[in-house]
Amino acid sequence: MTTTPETTPDTTTPETAMHDERVARVNAFGRLMRRPEIGALMGAIVVYVFFSVVDTTGNFVGLTGAARWTDVASTTGIVAVAVALLMIGGEFDLSAGVMIGTSGLFAGLLISEYGLPVWPAIFLTFIFAAGIGFVNGWLVVTTGLPSFIVTLAMFFSLRGINLGATKLLTDTVRVAGIDEGVGYDSAAAVFASEVWAPYGFKIAVVWWIGLTILATWLLTRTKFGNWIYAVGGDKNAARNTGVPVKRTKITLFMFTAMSAALVGVISLMRLRSMQAGQGVGEEFVFIIAAVVGGCLLTGGYGSAIGASIGAAIIGMAFIGIAYAGWNTDWSWLFLGLILFAAVLTNSLISRRFQGGKR
């Protein structure tokens, strides 16, 4: 007697297929929540409303207050955007803060001690900064050492050079008299002027917005942007698919150093002088802005817009605390709290809307 083999009935129904996370369609809200900067945007709204309530001057919500906090945010955001791209590429730069002072001192010494016109001095400063960034990147990709170690070594080296060289050449720890250089007025108009004089908006805000747009375009519309995400996500896989990993990382380090040089030049033109310790410690603020903006410490994820929103939060915090009449020393506590809150919020959003484990 022969028996017919039993067949297992197909229990897959349209209803179960619809619940398969691999094929489920994501609605517009879900796509929005997957954006790396959405957590920072939500935080920025909360911070703005909070300081609008506790403000004792009545200026925070006006254009005068906006001019104040965007000024702080702009000089932070210019470098934070570059740091964000570097972090997306899987690396850190702890020398970005001291590069501000180094660049300002370099340009200042060329102008005040060697009589070079301001514009050639600025040009050479950007070349010098690109060289420092190249050294950082080359050492990282050649030695295989963590960028944390390489750039920390550069941080201490530049800090020592800033103090030693400035003291040797000027007998002080600062350079001054920049406004006496040939071409200072035109350079100050480009780097240190006001664009909305009645309210005090600085031209640095224009530089900040411009670099954010440029970085966003690079990340979302160019092959180089794809390379950045690829090397940050998995550099070995990226290398196997033909991505120039070394060149990409070195370029990112150069861009970060040149962004810091831009802030150094802006500070030099504004103050007409530069202290040897300028910018020291700011590197952590740049990283905070990038992380608050959604960048992962492990690389491969983040956005330039998010870093700019993170910088805006920092600007609102520093000015908002002063407008609230509180001791400004509390600003650093606030930075620590928003860093923790931002990382926690981004983690929860990621797990909820990107299919992470719950």
Protein backbone atom coordinates (compact mmCIF):
# COMPACT_ATOMS: atom_id res chain seq x y z
CA MET A 1 0.00 0.00 0.00
CA THR A 2 1.49 3.29 -1.05
CA THR A 3 1.05 6.44 0.89
CA THR A 4 1.04 9.94 -0.41
CA PRO A 5 3.65 12.16 1.28
CA GLU A 6 2.07 14.81 3.38
CA THR A 7 2.65 18.33 2.28
CA THR A 8 3.15 21.13 4.70
CA PRO A 9 0.49 23.72 4.13
CA ASP A 10 1.67 27.29 3.35
CA THR A 11 0.79 29.28 6.41
CA THR A 12 2.07 32.55 5.01
CA THR A 13 -0.81 34.90 4.53
CA PRO A 14 -0.91 38.45 3.23
CA GLU A 15 -1.46 39.58 6.79
CA THR A 16 1.78 37.97 8.07
CA ALA A 17 3.72 39.21 5.08
CA MET A 18 2.60 42.71 5.87
CA HIS A 19 4.12 42.38 9.32
CA ASP A 20 7.53 41.35 8.01
CA GLU A 21 9.84 44.23 9.00
CA ARG A 22 12.03 43.59 5.95
CA VAL A 23 9.25 44.43 3.51
CA ALA A 24 7.14 46.80 5.57
CA ARG A 25 6.66 50.20 4.06
CA VAL A 26 7.79 53.18 6.09
CA ASN A 27 5.41 56.11 6.26
CA ALA A 28 6.47 59.74 5.96
CA PHE A 29 6.66 60.17 9.73
CA GLY A 30 8.90 57.13 10.06
CA ARG A 31 11.23 58.42 7.34
CA LEU A 32 11.39 61.77 9.09
CA MET A 33 12.26 60.18 12.42
CA ARG A 34 15.08 58.25 10.78
CA ARG A 35 16.92 61.47 9.99
CA PRO A 36 20.04 61.75 12.20
CA GLU A 37 19.36 65.37 13.09
CA ILE A 38 15.75 64.95 14.23
CA GLY A 39 16.71 64.41 17.88
CA ALA A 40 18.81 67.58 17.85
CA LEU A 41 15.96 69.55 16.28
CA MET A 42 13.57 68.42 18.99
CA GLY A 43 16.17 69.35 21.61
CA ALA A 44 16.73 72.77 20.04
CA ILE A 45 13.02 73.56 20.25
CA VAL A 46 12.93 72.53 23.92
CA VAL A 47 16.05 74.58 24.76
CA TYR A 48 14.75 77.64 22.92
CA VAL A 49 11.38 77.51 24.69
CA PHE A 50 13.06 76.93 28.06
CA PHE A 51 15.36 79.94 27.83
CA SER A 52 12.57 82.07 26.42
CA VAL A 53 10.65 81.37 29.64
CA VAL A 54 13.52 81.93 32.11
CA ASP A 55 14.90 85.00 30.28
CA THR A 56 14.97 88.03 32.59
CA THR A 57 15.99 90.60 29.97
CA GLY A 58 13.26 90.13 27.39
CA ASN A 59 15.88 89.99 24.63
CA PHE A 60 16.35 86.27 24.06
CA VAL A 61 13.37 85.84 21.73
CA GLY A 62 14.11 89.01 19.79
CA LEU A 63 16.54 89.66 16.95
CA THR A 64 19.11 91.10 19.37
CA GLY A 65 19.15 87.88 21.33
CA ALA A 66 19.27 85.82 18.14
CA ALA A 67 22.29 87.83 17.01
CA ARG A 68 24.04 87.00 20.28
CA TRP A 69 23.45 83.26 20.32
CA THR A 70 24.03 82.79 16.59
CA ASP A 71 27.38 84.52 17.02
CA VAL A 72 28.43 81.92 19.58
CA ALA A 73 26.90 79.13 17.49
CA SER A 74 28.59 80.23 14.27
CA THR A 75 32.18 79.97 15.45
CA THR A 76 31.35 76.63 17.07
CA GLY A 77 29.34 75.42 14.10
CA ILE A 78 31.97 76.17 11.46
CA VAL A 79 34.35 73.64 13.00
CA ALA A 80 31.61 71.32 14.30
CA VAL A 81 30.39 70.71 10.74
CA ALA A 82 33.87 69.62 9.66
CA VAL A 83 34.27 67.53 12.82
CA ALA A 84 30.92 65.87 12.03
CA LEU A 85 32.12 64.85 8.57
CA LEU A 86 35.29 63.47 10.13
CA MET A 87 33.28 61.54 12.74
CA ILE A 88 31.00 60.12 10.05
CA GLY A 89 34.23 58.96 8.41
CA GLY A 90 35.11 57.14 11.63
CA GLU A 91 37.80 59.46 13.04
CA PHE A 92 38.32 62.19 15.67
CA ASP A 93 40.43 65.34 15.75
CA LEU A 94 41.38 66.55 19.22
CA SER A 95 43.67 69.23 17.78
CA ALA A 96 40.83 71.24 16.17
CA GLY A 97 40.54 73.60 19.14
CA VAL A 98 44.21 74.47 19.47
CA MET A 99 44.37 74.90 15.65
CA ILE A 100 42.24 78.01 16.07
CA GLY A 101 44.94 79.65 18.17
CA THR A 102 47.77 78.26 16.04
CA SER A 103 46.25 79.64 12.84
CA GLY A 104 45.55 83.04 14.38
CA LEU A 105 49.06 83.27 15.76
CA PHE A 106 50.59 82.15 12.46
CA ALA A 107 48.73 84.81 10.49
CA GLY A 108 49.33 87.42 13.19
CA LEU A 109 53.07 86.82 13.27
CA LEU A 110 53.31 87.02 9.48
CA ILE A 111 51.53 90.39 9.58
CA SER A 112 52.98 92.02 12.69
CA GLU A 113 56.50 90.59 12.82
CA TYR A 114 57.33 90.04 9.17
CA GLY A 115 55.31 92.83 7.55
CA LEU A 116 53.36 90.58 5.18
CA PRO A 117 50.09 92.06 3.83
CA VAL A 118 46.99 90.63 5.44
CA TRP A 119 45.57 88.73 2.46
CA PRO A 120 48.77 86.82 1.59
CA ALA A 121 49.13 86.02 5.30
CA ILE A 122 45.60 84.61 5.39
CA PHE A 123 46.26 82.54 2.26
CA LEU A 124 49.46 81.09 3.73
CA THR A 125 47.59 80.36 6.97
CA PHE A 126 45.09 78.15 5.15
CA ILE A 127 47.94 76.38 3.36
CA PHE A 128 49.65 75.86 6.72
CA ALA A 129 46.43 74.50 8.26
CA ALA A 130 45.94 72.12 5.34
CA GLY A 131 49.47 70.87 5.95
CA ILE A 132 48.73 70.18 9.62
CA GLY A 133 45.56 68.34 8.65
CA PHE A 134 47.49 66.32 6.08
CA VAL A 135 50.04 65.30 8.71
CA ASN A 136 47.25 64.22 11.08
CA GLY A 137 45.53 62.17 8.39
CA TRP A 138 48.71 60.68 6.98
CA LEU A 139 49.87 59.54 10.41
CA VAL A 140 46.49 57.96 11.16
CA VAL A 141 46.22 55.99 7.91
CA THR A 142 49.93 55.09 7.75
CA THR A 143 50.65 54.05 11.33
CA GLY A 144 47.26 52.54 12.06
CA LEU A 145 47.20 54.32 15.41
CA PRO A 146 43.84 55.61 16.68
CA SER A 147 43.12 59.16 15.57
CA PHE A 148 42.44 59.94 19.24
CA ILE A 149 46.14 59.34 20.03
CA VAL A 150 47.57 60.99 16.90
CA THR A 151 45.57 64.19 17.21
CA LEU A 152 46.06 64.35 20.98
CA ALA A 153 49.81 64.32 20.32
CA MET A 154 49.31 67.09 17.76
CA PHE A 155 47.25 69.02 20.31
CA PHE A 156 50.09 69.07 22.84
CA SER A 157 52.68 69.79 20.15
CA LEU A 158 50.81 72.78 18.79
CA ARG A 159 50.03 74.06 22.26
CA GLY A 160 53.73 74.02 23.12
CA ILE A 161 54.67 75.66 19.81
CA ASN A 162 52.05 78.37 20.33
CA LEU A 163 53.53 79.34 23.67
CA GLY A 164 57.20 78.81 22.88
CA ALA A 165 57.34 80.35 19.42
CA THR A 166 55.18 83.35 20.34
CA LYS A 167 57.25 84.06 23.46
CA LEU A 168 60.47 83.70 21.46
CA LEU A 169 59.39 86.08 18.69
CA THR A 170 57.40 88.68 20.64
CA ASP A 171 58.56 88.30 24.28
CA THR A 172 54.87 87.85 25.15
CA VAL A 173 52.24 85.16 24.67
CA ARG A 174 50.17 87.17 22.20
CA VAL A 175 50.39 88.98 18.89
CA ALA A 176 48.82 92.38 18.33
CA GLY A 177 48.76 95.31 15.92
CA ILE A 178 47.01 93.34 13.20
CA ASP A 179 44.91 96.35 12.20
CA GLU A 180 48.09 98.11 11.07
CA GLY A 181 48.69 95.53 8.34
CA VAL A 182 48.14 96.34 4.69
CA GLY A 183 44.71 95.13 3.60
CA TYR A 184 43.26 94.76 7.09
CA ASP A 185 40.09 96.73 6.35
CA SER A 186 39.08 94.59 3.37
CA ALA A 187 39.90 91.37 5.24
CA ALA A 188 37.92 92.53 8.27
CA ALA A 189 34.94 93.21 6.00
CA VAL A 190 35.03 89.58 4.83
CA PHE A 191 35.75 87.90 8.16
CA ALA A 192 34.71 90.23 10.98
CA SER A 193 31.99 92.60 9.81
CA GLU A 194 28.28 92.81 10.66
CA VAL A 195 25.66 91.85 8.09
CA TRP A 196 22.62 93.23 9.94
CA ALA A 197 24.08 96.15 11.82
CA PRO A 198 21.03 97.30 13.81
CA TYR A 199 20.89 93.93 15.56
CA GLY A 200 24.55 92.93 15.49
CA PHE A 201 24.46 89.78 13.33
CA LYS A 202 28.03 88.83 12.44
CA ILE A 203 29.29 87.72 9.05
CA ALA A 204 30.57 84.55 10.73
CA VAL A 205 26.93 83.39 10.64
CA VAL A 206 27.05 83.58 6.84
CA TRP A 207 30.25 81.49 6.81
CA TRP A 208 28.58 78.97 9.13
CA ILE A 209 25.46 78.62 7.00
CA GLY A 210 27.52 78.43 3.81
CA LEU A 211 29.75 75.65 5.13
CA THR A 212 26.72 73.74 6.40
CA ILE A 213 25.14 73.88 2.94
CA LEU A 214 28.43 72.85 1.30
CA ALA A 215 28.95 69.93 3.69
CA THR A 216 25.34 68.77 3.27
CA TRP A 217 25.72 68.86 -0.50
CA LEU A 218 28.94 66.86 -0.28
CA LEU A 219 27.33 64.22 1.93
CA THR A 220 24.09 63.81 0.01
CA ARG A 221 24.86 64.64 -3.61
CA THR A 222 28.43 63.57 -4.36
CA LYS A 223 30.49 60.41 -4.67
CA PHE A 224 32.83 61.76 -1.99
CA GLY A 225 29.90 61.87 0.43
CA ASN A 226 29.21 58.19 -0.24
CA TRP A 227 32.89 57.49 0.43
CA ILE A 228 32.67 59.26 3.79
CA TYR A 229 29.78 57.10 4.94
CA ALA A 230 31.43 53.98 3.55
CA VAL A 231 34.80 54.41 5.29
CA GLY A 232 33.05 55.25 8.55
CA GLY A 233 30.74 52.27 8.35
CA ASP A 234 33.29 49.60 7.36
CA LYS A 235 36.61 50.70 5.92
CA ASN A 236 37.61 47.18 4.86
CA ALA A 237 34.39 46.66 2.93
CA ALA A 238 34.78 50.16 1.46
CA ARG A 239 38.34 49.39 0.36
CA ASN A 240 37.20 46.14 -1.26
CA THR A 241 34.63 48.03 -3.31
CA GLY A 242 37.20 50.51 -4.61
CA VAL A 243 36.74 53.40 -2.20
CA PRO A 244 40.01 55.35 -1.69
CA VAL A 245 39.97 55.05 2.10
CA LYS A 246 43.30 56.76 2.81
CA ARG A 247 42.64 59.70 0.52
CA THR A 248 39.15 60.19 1.94
CA LYS A 249 40.34 60.24 5.55
CA ILE A 250 43.27 62.56 4.85
CA THR A 251 40.96 64.97 3.01
CA LEU A 252 38.59 65.04 5.99
CA PHE A 253 41.45 65.84 8.38
CA MET A 254 42.58 68.66 6.08
CA PHE A 255 39.06 70.07 5.88
CA THR A 256 38.77 70.02 9.69
CA ALA A 257 42.08 71.85 10.16
CA MET A 258 41.17 74.46 7.54
CA SER A 259 37.78 75.03 9.18
CA ALA A 260 39.57 75.67 12.47
CA ALA A 261 41.89 78.05 10.61
CA LEU A 262 38.85 79.95 9.34
CA VAL A 263 37.66 80.49 12.92
CA GLY A 264 41.20 81.51 13.86
CA VAL A 265 41.25 84.14 11.12
CA ILE A 266 37.79 85.38 12.11
CA SER A 267 38.92 85.75 15.73
CA LEU A 268 42.13 87.48 14.68
CA MET A 269 40.30 90.01 12.52
CA ARG A 270 37.73 90.68 15.24
CA LEU A 271 40.09 91.08 18.17
CA ARG A 272 43.02 92.46 16.17
CA SER A 273 45.18 90.23 18.33
CA MET A 274 45.55 86.58 19.32
CA GLN A 275 46.45 84.86 22.58
CA ALA A 276 48.61 81.73 22.60
CA GLY A 277 45.94 79.80 24.52
CA GLN A 278 43.07 80.70 22.21
CA GLY A 279 40.84 77.75 21.30
CA VAL A 280 42.27 75.28 23.81
CA GLY A 281 39.44 73.09 25.12
CA GLU A 282 37.06 73.95 22.28
CA GLU A 283 37.70 70.60 20.59
CA PHE A 284 35.34 68.94 23.06
CA VAL A 285 32.63 71.50 22.33
CA PHE A 286 32.88 70.68 18.61
CA ILE A 287 32.53 66.97 19.33
CA ILE A 288 29.57 67.64 21.62
CA ALA A 289 27.84 69.63 18.87
CA ALA A 290 28.40 66.81 16.38
CA VAL A 291 27.18 64.11 18.79
CA VAL A 292 24.15 66.17 19.84
CA GLY A 293 23.45 66.53 16.13
CA GLY A 294 23.20 62.77 15.69
CA CYS A 295 26.74 61.63 14.79
CA LEU A 296 27.69 58.25 16.16
CA LEU A 297 31.01 57.81 17.93
CA THR A 298 31.46 54.61 15.93
CA GLY A 299 31.23 56.43 12.59
CA GLY A 300 29.13 55.88 9.48
CA TYR A 301 26.13 57.95 10.60
CA GLY A 302 25.31 61.62 11.06
CA SER A 303 24.75 64.87 9.17
CA ALA A 304 26.17 68.35 8.78
CA ILE A 305 22.77 69.89 9.49
CA GLY A 306 22.61 67.99 12.77
CA ALA A 307 26.01 69.33 13.81
CA SER A 308 24.84 72.86 13.05
CA ILE A 309 21.72 72.34 15.15
CA GLY A 310 23.97 71.04 17.93
CA ALA A 311 26.05 74.20 17.66
CA ALA A 312 22.86 76.28 17.81
CA ILE A 313 21.85 74.52 21.03
CA ILE A 314 25.24 75.33 22.53
CA GLY A 315 24.92 78.97 21.46
CA MET A 316 21.45 79.23 22.96
CA ALA A 317 22.69 77.65 26.19
CA PHE A 318 25.62 80.01 26.68
CA ILE A 319 23.60 83.15 25.94
CA GLY A 320 20.39 81.89 27.55
CA ILE A 321 22.12 81.22 30.87
CA ALA A 322 23.53 84.75 30.88
CA TYR A 323 20.14 86.24 30.00
CA ALA A 324 18.53 84.21 32.78
CA GLY A 325 20.87 85.93 35.25
CA TRP A 326 22.54 82.68 36.31
CA ASN A 327 26.22 82.14 36.94
CA THR A 328 27.77 81.33 33.55
CA ASP A 329 29.88 78.61 35.17
CA TRP A 330 26.72 76.48 34.97
CA SER A 331 27.09 76.48 31.18
CA TRP A 332 29.44 73.51 31.33
CA LEU A 333 27.02 71.52 33.46
CA PHE A 334 24.32 72.26 30.91
CA LEU A 335 26.58 71.03 28.09
CA GLY A 336 27.10 67.76 29.93
CA LEU A 337 23.38 67.32 30.48
CA ILE A 338 22.39 68.05 26.88
CA LEU A 339 25.12 65.70 25.65
CA PHE A 340 23.72 62.85 27.74
CA ALA A 341 20.12 63.71 26.85
CA ALA A 342 20.91 63.95 23.13
CA VAL A 343 22.72 60.62 23.01
CA LEU A 344 19.89 58.96 24.93
CA THR A 345 17.22 60.51 22.70
CA ASN A 346 19.05 59.59 19.49
CA SER A 347 19.49 56.04 20.75
CA LEU A 348 15.78 55.67 21.56
CA ILE A 349 14.74 57.13 18.21
CA SER A 350 17.18 54.86 16.38
CA ARG A 351 15.86 51.73 18.07
CA ARG A 352 12.24 52.73 17.56
CA PHE A 353 12.31 53.81 13.93
CA GLN A 354 15.31 52.00 12.44
CA GLY A 355 14.47 48.48 13.44
CA GLY A 356 16.80 48.20 16.40
CA LYS A 357 16.15 45.76 19.21
CA ARG A 358 13.68 46.92 21.78
